[in-house]
Amino acid sequence: MFEHFFQCPYCWEEISMLLDASVSSQRYIEDCEVCCNPIEIFTNFEDRELVAFEASSIEQ
């Protein structure tokens, strides 16, 4: 697990999340710790190194 910093797609605040490098590819939803809006997170790891990260707003 390691901490990754990025901007919330709603409030633009810098937030951080703990990412699990033991899973090669994940897609899940987690709420922003600042504005509480749902963020769709996509991660892709190769050899436990983050090669792709995307944080997207969810169309409502």
PDB file of N, CA and C in Angstrom:
ATOM      1  N   MET A   1       0.849  -1.181   0.000  1.00  0.00           N
ATOM      2  CA  MET A   1       0.000   0.000   0.000  1.00  0.00           C
ATOM      3  C   MET A   1       0.892   1.241   0.000  1.00  0.00           C
ATOM      4  N   PHE A   2       0.483   2.207  -0.793  1.00  0.00           N
ATOM      5  CA  PHE A   2       1.195   3.469  -0.746  1.00  0.00           C
ATOM      6  C   PHE A   2       0.222   4.610  -0.986  1.00  0.00           C
ATOM      7  N   GLU A   3       0.610   5.787  -0.538  1.00  0.00           N
ATOM      8  CA  GLU A   3      -0.246   6.961  -0.627  1.00  0.00           C
ATOM      9  C   GLU A   3      -0.033   7.651  -1.972  1.00  0.00           C
ATOM     10  N   HIS A   4      -1.151   8.002  -2.623  1.00  0.00           N
ATOM     11  CA  HIS A   4      -1.108   8.688  -3.917  1.00  0.00           C
ATOM     12  C   HIS A   4      -1.914   9.978  -3.800  1.00  0.00           C
ATOM     13  N   PHE A   5      -1.335  11.095  -4.222  1.00  0.00           N
ATOM     14  CA  PHE A   5      -1.993  12.400  -4.167  1.00  0.00           C
ATOM     15  C   PHE A   5      -2.519  12.778  -5.544  1.00  0.00           C
ATOM     16  N   PHE A   6      -3.716  13.394  -5.566  1.00  0.00           N
ATOM     17  CA  PHE A   6      -4.322  13.847  -6.817  1.00  0.00           C
ATOM     18  C   PHE A   6      -5.373  14.898  -6.503  1.00  0.00           C
ATOM     19  N   GLN A   7      -5.903  15.554  -7.546  1.00  0.00           N
ATOM     20  CA  GLN A   7      -6.940  16.561  -7.370  1.00  0.00           C
ATOM     21  C   GLN A   7      -8.317  15.943  -7.525  1.00  0.00           C
ATOM     22  N   CYS A   8      -9.225  16.333  -6.626  1.00  0.00           N
ATOM     23  CA  CYS A   8     -10.620  15.909  -6.740  1.00  0.00           C
ATOM     24  C   CYS A   8     -11.207  16.529  -8.003  1.00  0.00           C
ATOM     25  N   PRO A   9     -11.937  15.743  -8.818  1.00  0.00           N
ATOM     26  CA  PRO A   9     -12.532  16.295 -10.051  1.00  0.00           C
ATOM     27  C   PRO A   9     -13.729  17.213  -9.786  1.00  0.00           C
ATOM     28  N   TYR A  10     -14.174  17.325  -8.541  1.00  0.00           N
ATOM     29  CA  TYR A  10     -15.293  18.213  -8.196  1.00  0.00           C
ATOM     30  C   TYR A  10     -14.816  19.516  -7.556  1.00  0.00           C
ATOM     31  N   CYS A  11     -14.079  19.407  -6.448  1.00  0.00           N
ATOM     32  CA  CYS A  11     -13.703  20.596  -5.675  1.00  0.00           C
ATOM     33  C   CYS A  11     -12.269  21.048  -5.947  1.00  0.00           C
ATOM     34  N   TRP A  12     -11.491  20.276  -6.696  1.00  0.00           N
ATOM     35  CA  TRP A  12     -10.127  20.576  -7.099  1.00  0.00           C
ATOM     36  C   TRP A  12      -9.126  20.625  -5.944  1.00  0.00           C
ATOM     37  N   GLU A  13      -9.553  20.182  -4.759  1.00  0.00           N
ATOM     38  CA  GLU A  13      -8.629  20.100  -3.630  1.00  0.00           C
ATOM     39  C   GLU A  13      -7.701  18.906  -3.828  1.00  0.00           C
ATOM     40  N   GLU A  14      -6.475  19.038  -3.341  1.00  0.00           N
ATOM     41  CA  GLU A  14      -5.564  17.897  -3.389  1.00  0.00           C
ATOM     42  C   GLU A  14      -5.944  16.937  -2.265  1.00  0.00           C
ATOM     43  N   ILE A  15      -6.160  15.685  -2.619  1.00  0.00           N
ATOM     44  CA  ILE A  15      -6.492  14.658  -1.643  1.00  0.00           C
ATOM     45  C   ILE A  15      -5.553  13.474  -1.865  1.00  0.00           C
ATOM     46  N   SER A  16      -5.594  12.555  -0.935  1.00  0.00           N
ATOM     47  CA  SER A  16      -4.746  11.375  -1.072  1.00  0.00           C
ATOM     48  C   SER A  16      -5.560  10.124  -0.814  1.00  0.00           C
ATOM     49  N   MET A  17      -5.124   9.042  -1.405  1.00  0.00           N
ATOM     50  CA  MET A  17      -5.736   7.735  -1.183  1.00  0.00           C
ATOM     51  C   MET A  17      -4.631   6.703  -1.052  1.00  0.00           C
ATOM     52  N   LEU A  18      -4.911   5.672  -0.276  1.00  0.00           N
ATOM     53  CA  LEU A  18      -3.995   4.547  -0.194  1.00  0.00           C
ATOM     54  C   LEU A  18      -4.335   3.578  -1.308  1.00  0.00           C
ATOM     55  N   LEU A  19      -3.359   3.238  -2.123  1.00  0.00           N
ATOM     56  CA  LEU A  19      -3.561   2.329  -3.251  1.00  0.00           C
ATOM     57  C   LEU A  19      -2.879   0.999  -2.955  1.00  0.00           C
ATOM     58  N   ASP A  20      -3.540  -0.077  -3.345  1.00  0.00           N
ATOM     59  CA  ASP A  20      -3.036  -1.432  -3.116  1.00  0.00           C
ATOM     60  C   ASP A  20      -2.315  -1.931  -4.356  1.00  0.00           C
ATOM     61  N   ALA A  21      -1.000  -1.996  -4.291  1.00  0.00           N
ATOM     62  CA  ALA A  21      -0.195  -2.416  -5.435  1.00  0.00           C
ATOM     63  C   ALA A  21      -0.222  -3.920  -5.662  1.00  0.00           C
ATOM     64  N   SER A  22      -0.814  -4.679  -4.743  1.00  0.00           N
ATOM     65  CA  SER A  22      -0.862  -6.133  -4.916  1.00  0.00           C
ATOM     66  C   SER A  22      -1.946  -6.567  -5.907  1.00  0.00           C
ATOM     67  N   VAL A  23      -2.833  -5.636  -6.293  1.00  0.00           N
ATOM     68  CA  VAL A  23      -3.881  -5.912  -7.283  1.00  0.00           C
ATOM     69  C   VAL A  23      -3.506  -5.156  -8.553  1.00  0.00           C
ATOM     70  N   SER A  24      -3.325  -5.870  -9.655  1.00  0.00           N
ATOM     71  CA  SER A  24      -2.788  -5.242 -10.866  1.00  0.00           C
ATOM     72  C   SER A  24      -3.693  -4.176 -11.473  1.00  0.00           C
ATOM     73  N   SER A  25      -5.011  -4.366 -11.427  1.00  0.00           N
ATOM     74  CA  SER A  25      -5.929  -3.405 -12.014  1.00  0.00           C
ATOM     75  C   SER A  25      -7.196  -3.327 -11.168  1.00  0.00           C
ATOM     76  N   GLN A  26      -7.620  -2.107 -10.871  1.00  0.00           N
ATOM     77  CA  GLN A  26      -8.829  -1.916 -10.075  1.00  0.00           C
ATOM     78  C   GLN A  26      -9.640  -0.757 -10.624  1.00  0.00           C
ATOM     79  N   ARG A  27     -10.958  -0.832 -10.430  1.00  0.00           N
ATOM     80  CA  ARG A  27     -11.878   0.266 -10.713  1.00  0.00           C
ATOM     81  C   ARG A  27     -12.896   0.254  -9.582  1.00  0.00           C
ATOM     82  N   TYR A  28     -13.013   1.370  -8.881  1.00  0.00           N
ATOM     83  CA  TYR A  28     -13.940   1.439  -7.749  1.00  0.00           C
ATOM     84  C   TYR A  28     -14.346   2.882  -7.509  1.00  0.00           C
ATOM     85  N   ILE A  29     -15.303   3.090  -6.613  1.00  0.00           N
ATOM     86  CA  ILE A  29     -15.801   4.422  -6.284  1.00  0.00           C
ATOM     87  C   ILE A  29     -15.478   4.711  -4.828  1.00  0.00           C
ATOM     88  N   GLU A  30     -14.934   5.912  -4.607  1.00  0.00           N
ATOM     89  CA  GLU A  30     -14.633   6.354  -3.253  1.00  0.00           C
ATOM     90  C   GLU A  30     -14.994   7.827  -3.151  1.00  0.00           C
ATOM     91  N   ASP A  31     -15.519   8.233  -2.003  1.00  0.00           N
ATOM     92  CA  ASP A  31     -15.916   9.625  -1.810  1.00  0.00           C
ATOM     93  C   ASP A  31     -14.714  10.508  -1.516  1.00  0.00           C
ATOM     94  N   CYS A  32     -14.762  11.742  -2.021  1.00  0.00           N
ATOM     95  CA  CYS A  32     -13.738  12.735  -1.728  1.00  0.00           C
ATOM     96  C   CYS A  32     -13.775  13.035  -0.230  1.00  0.00           C
ATOM     97  N   GLU A  33     -12.611  13.103   0.394  1.00  0.00           N
ATOM     98  CA  GLU A  33     -12.551  13.372   1.826  1.00  0.00           C
ATOM     99  C   GLU A  33     -12.835  14.834   2.152  1.00  0.00           C
ATOM    100  N   VAL A  34     -12.876  15.709   1.137  1.00  0.00           N
ATOM    101  CA  VAL A  34     -13.155  17.130   1.361  1.00  0.00           C
ATOM    102  C   VAL A  34     -14.617  17.453   1.065  1.00  0.00           C
ATOM    103  N   CYS A  35     -15.091  17.154  -0.165  1.00  0.00           N
ATOM    104  CA  CYS A  35     -16.452  17.551  -0.570  1.00  0.00           C
ATOM    105  C   CYS A  35     -17.464  16.408  -0.546  1.00  0.00           C
ATOM    106  N   CYS A  36     -17.003  15.195  -0.315  1.00  0.00           N
ATOM    107  CA  CYS A  36     -17.849  13.996  -0.178  1.00  0.00           C
ATOM    108  C   CYS A  36     -18.521  13.530  -1.466  1.00  0.00           C
ATOM    109  N   ASN A  37     -18.157  14.086  -2.611  1.00  0.00           N
ATOM    110  CA  ASN A  37     -18.704  13.607  -3.879  1.00  0.00           C
ATOM    111  C   ASN A  37     -18.026  12.300  -4.276  1.00  0.00           C
ATOM    112  N   PRO A  38     -18.768  11.429  -5.000  1.00  0.00           N
ATOM    113  CA  PRO A  38     -18.202  10.137  -5.403  1.00  0.00           C
ATOM    114  C   PRO A  38     -17.227  10.281  -6.567  1.00  0.00           C
ATOM    115  N   ILE A  39     -16.066   9.654  -6.434  1.00  0.00           N
ATOM    116  CA  ILE A  39     -15.029   9.687  -7.463  1.00  0.00           C
ATOM    117  C   ILE A  39     -14.795   8.271  -7.952  1.00  0.00           C
ATOM    118  N   GLU A  40     -14.827   8.086  -9.272  1.00  0.00           N
ATOM    119  CA  GLU A  40     -14.487   6.787  -9.837  1.00  0.00           C
ATOM    120  C   GLU A  40     -12.972   6.727  -9.987  1.00  0.00           C
ATOM    121  N   ILE A  41     -12.376   5.731  -9.359  1.00  0.00           N
ATOM    122  CA  ILE A  41     -10.932   5.562  -9.343  1.00  0.00           C
ATOM    123  C   ILE A  41     -10.561   4.369 -10.217  1.00  0.00           C
ATOM    124  N   PHE A  42      -9.565   4.550 -11.073  1.00  0.00           N
ATOM    125  CA  PHE A  42      -9.004   3.458 -11.857  1.00  0.00           C
ATOM    126  C   PHE A  42      -7.506   3.430 -11.607  1.00  0.00           C
ATOM    127  N   THR A  43      -6.991   2.250 -11.271  1.00  0.00           N
ATOM    128  CA  THR A  43      -5.551   2.094 -11.081  1.00  0.00           C
ATOM    129  C   THR A  43      -5.058   0.893 -11.873  1.00  0.00           C
ATOM    130  N   ASN A  44      -3.825   0.986 -12.332  1.00  0.00           N
ATOM    131  CA  ASN A  44      -3.188  -0.122 -13.027  1.00  0.00           C
ATOM    132  C   ASN A  44      -1.727  -0.167 -12.571  1.00  0.00           C
ATOM    133  N   PHE A  45      -1.310  -1.332 -12.105  1.00  0.00           N
ATOM    134  CA  PHE A  45       0.055  -1.526 -11.624  1.00  0.00           C
ATOM    135  C   PHE A  45       0.755  -2.581 -12.470  1.00  0.00           C
ATOM    136  N   GLU A  46       2.049  -2.382 -12.680  1.00  0.00           N
ATOM    137  CA  GLU A  46       2.907  -3.393 -13.294  1.00  0.00           C
ATOM    138  C   GLU A  46       4.126  -3.535 -12.396  1.00  0.00           C
ATOM    139  N   ASP A  47       4.399  -4.755 -11.959  1.00  0.00           N
ATOM    140  CA  ASP A  47       5.507  -5.017 -11.038  1.00  0.00           C
ATOM    141  C   ASP A  47       5.445  -4.104  -9.817  1.00  0.00           C
ATOM    142  N   ARG A  48       4.228  -3.950  -9.290  1.00  0.00           N
ATOM    143  CA  ARG A  48       3.969  -3.126  -8.095  1.00  0.00           C
ATOM    144  C   ARG A  48       4.299  -1.650  -8.287  1.00  0.00           C
ATOM    145  N   GLU A  49       4.382  -1.209  -9.535  1.00  0.00           N
ATOM    146  CA  GLU A  49       4.606   0.196  -9.835  1.00  0.00           C
ATOM    147  C   GLU A  49       3.368   0.748 -10.530  1.00  0.00           C
ATOM    148  N   LEU A  50       2.885   1.899 -10.068  1.00  0.00           N
ATOM    149  CA  LEU A  50       1.702   2.516 -10.642  1.00  0.00           C
ATOM    150  C   LEU A  50       2.015   3.022 -12.044  1.00  0.00           C
ATOM    151  N   VAL A  51       1.307   2.499 -13.050  1.00  0.00           N
ATOM    152  CA  VAL A  51       1.527   2.917 -14.440  1.00  0.00           C
ATOM    153  C   VAL A  51       0.348   3.707 -14.993  1.00  0.00           C
ATOM    154  N   ALA A  52      -0.818   3.609 -14.332  1.00  0.00           N
ATOM    155  CA  ALA A  52      -1.983   4.383 -14.759  1.00  0.00           C
ATOM    156  C   ALA A  52      -2.854   4.694 -13.555  1.00  0.00           C
ATOM    157  N   PHE A  53      -3.335   5.932 -13.495  1.00  0.00           N
ATOM    158  CA  PHE A  53      -4.246   6.357 -12.435  1.00  0.00           C
ATOM    159  C   PHE A  53      -5.211   7.351 -13.046  1.00  0.00           C
ATOM    160  N   GLU A  54      -6.496   7.170 -12.758  1.00  0.00           N
ATOM    161  CA  GLU A  54      -7.514   8.090 -13.243  1.00  0.00           C
ATOM    162  C   GLU A  54      -8.530   8.306 -12.137  1.00  0.00           C
ATOM    163  N   ALA A  55      -8.871   9.565 -11.903  1.00  0.00           N
ATOM    164  CA  ALA A  55      -9.906   9.929 -10.933  1.00  0.00           C
ATOM    165  C   ALA A  55     -10.936  10.756 -11.680  1.00  0.00           C
ATOM    166  N   SER A  56     -12.150  10.228 -11.831  1.00  0.00           N
ATOM    167  CA  SER A  56     -13.168  10.864 -12.652  1.00  0.00           C
ATOM    168  C   SER A  56     -14.431  11.157 -11.849  1.00  0.00           C
ATOM    169  N   SER A  57     -15.106  12.229 -12.228  1.00  0.00           N
ATOM    170  CA  SER A  57     -16.406  12.510 -11.636  1.00  0.00           C
ATOM    171  C   SER A  57     -17.415  11.512 -12.190  1.00  0.00           C
ATOM    172  N   ILE A  58     -18.467  11.305 -11.434  1.00  0.00           N
ATOM    173  CA  ILE A  58     -19.508  10.369 -11.859  1.00  0.00           C
ATOM    174  C   ILE A  58     -20.696  11.189 -12.346  1.00  0.00           C
ATOM    175  N   GLU A  59     -21.137  10.930 -13.557  1.00  0.00           N
ATOM    176  CA  GLU A  59     -22.271  11.648 -14.104  1.00  0.00           C
ATOM    177  C   GLU A  59     -23.521  11.290 -13.323  1.00  0.00           C
ATOM    178  N   GLN A  60     -24.235  12.331 -12.891  1.00  0.00           N
ATOM    179  CA  GLN A  60     -25.433  12.092 -12.076  1.00  0.00           C
ATOM    180  C   GLN A  60     -26.662  12.555 -12.793  1.00  0.00           C
TER     181      GLN A  60
END
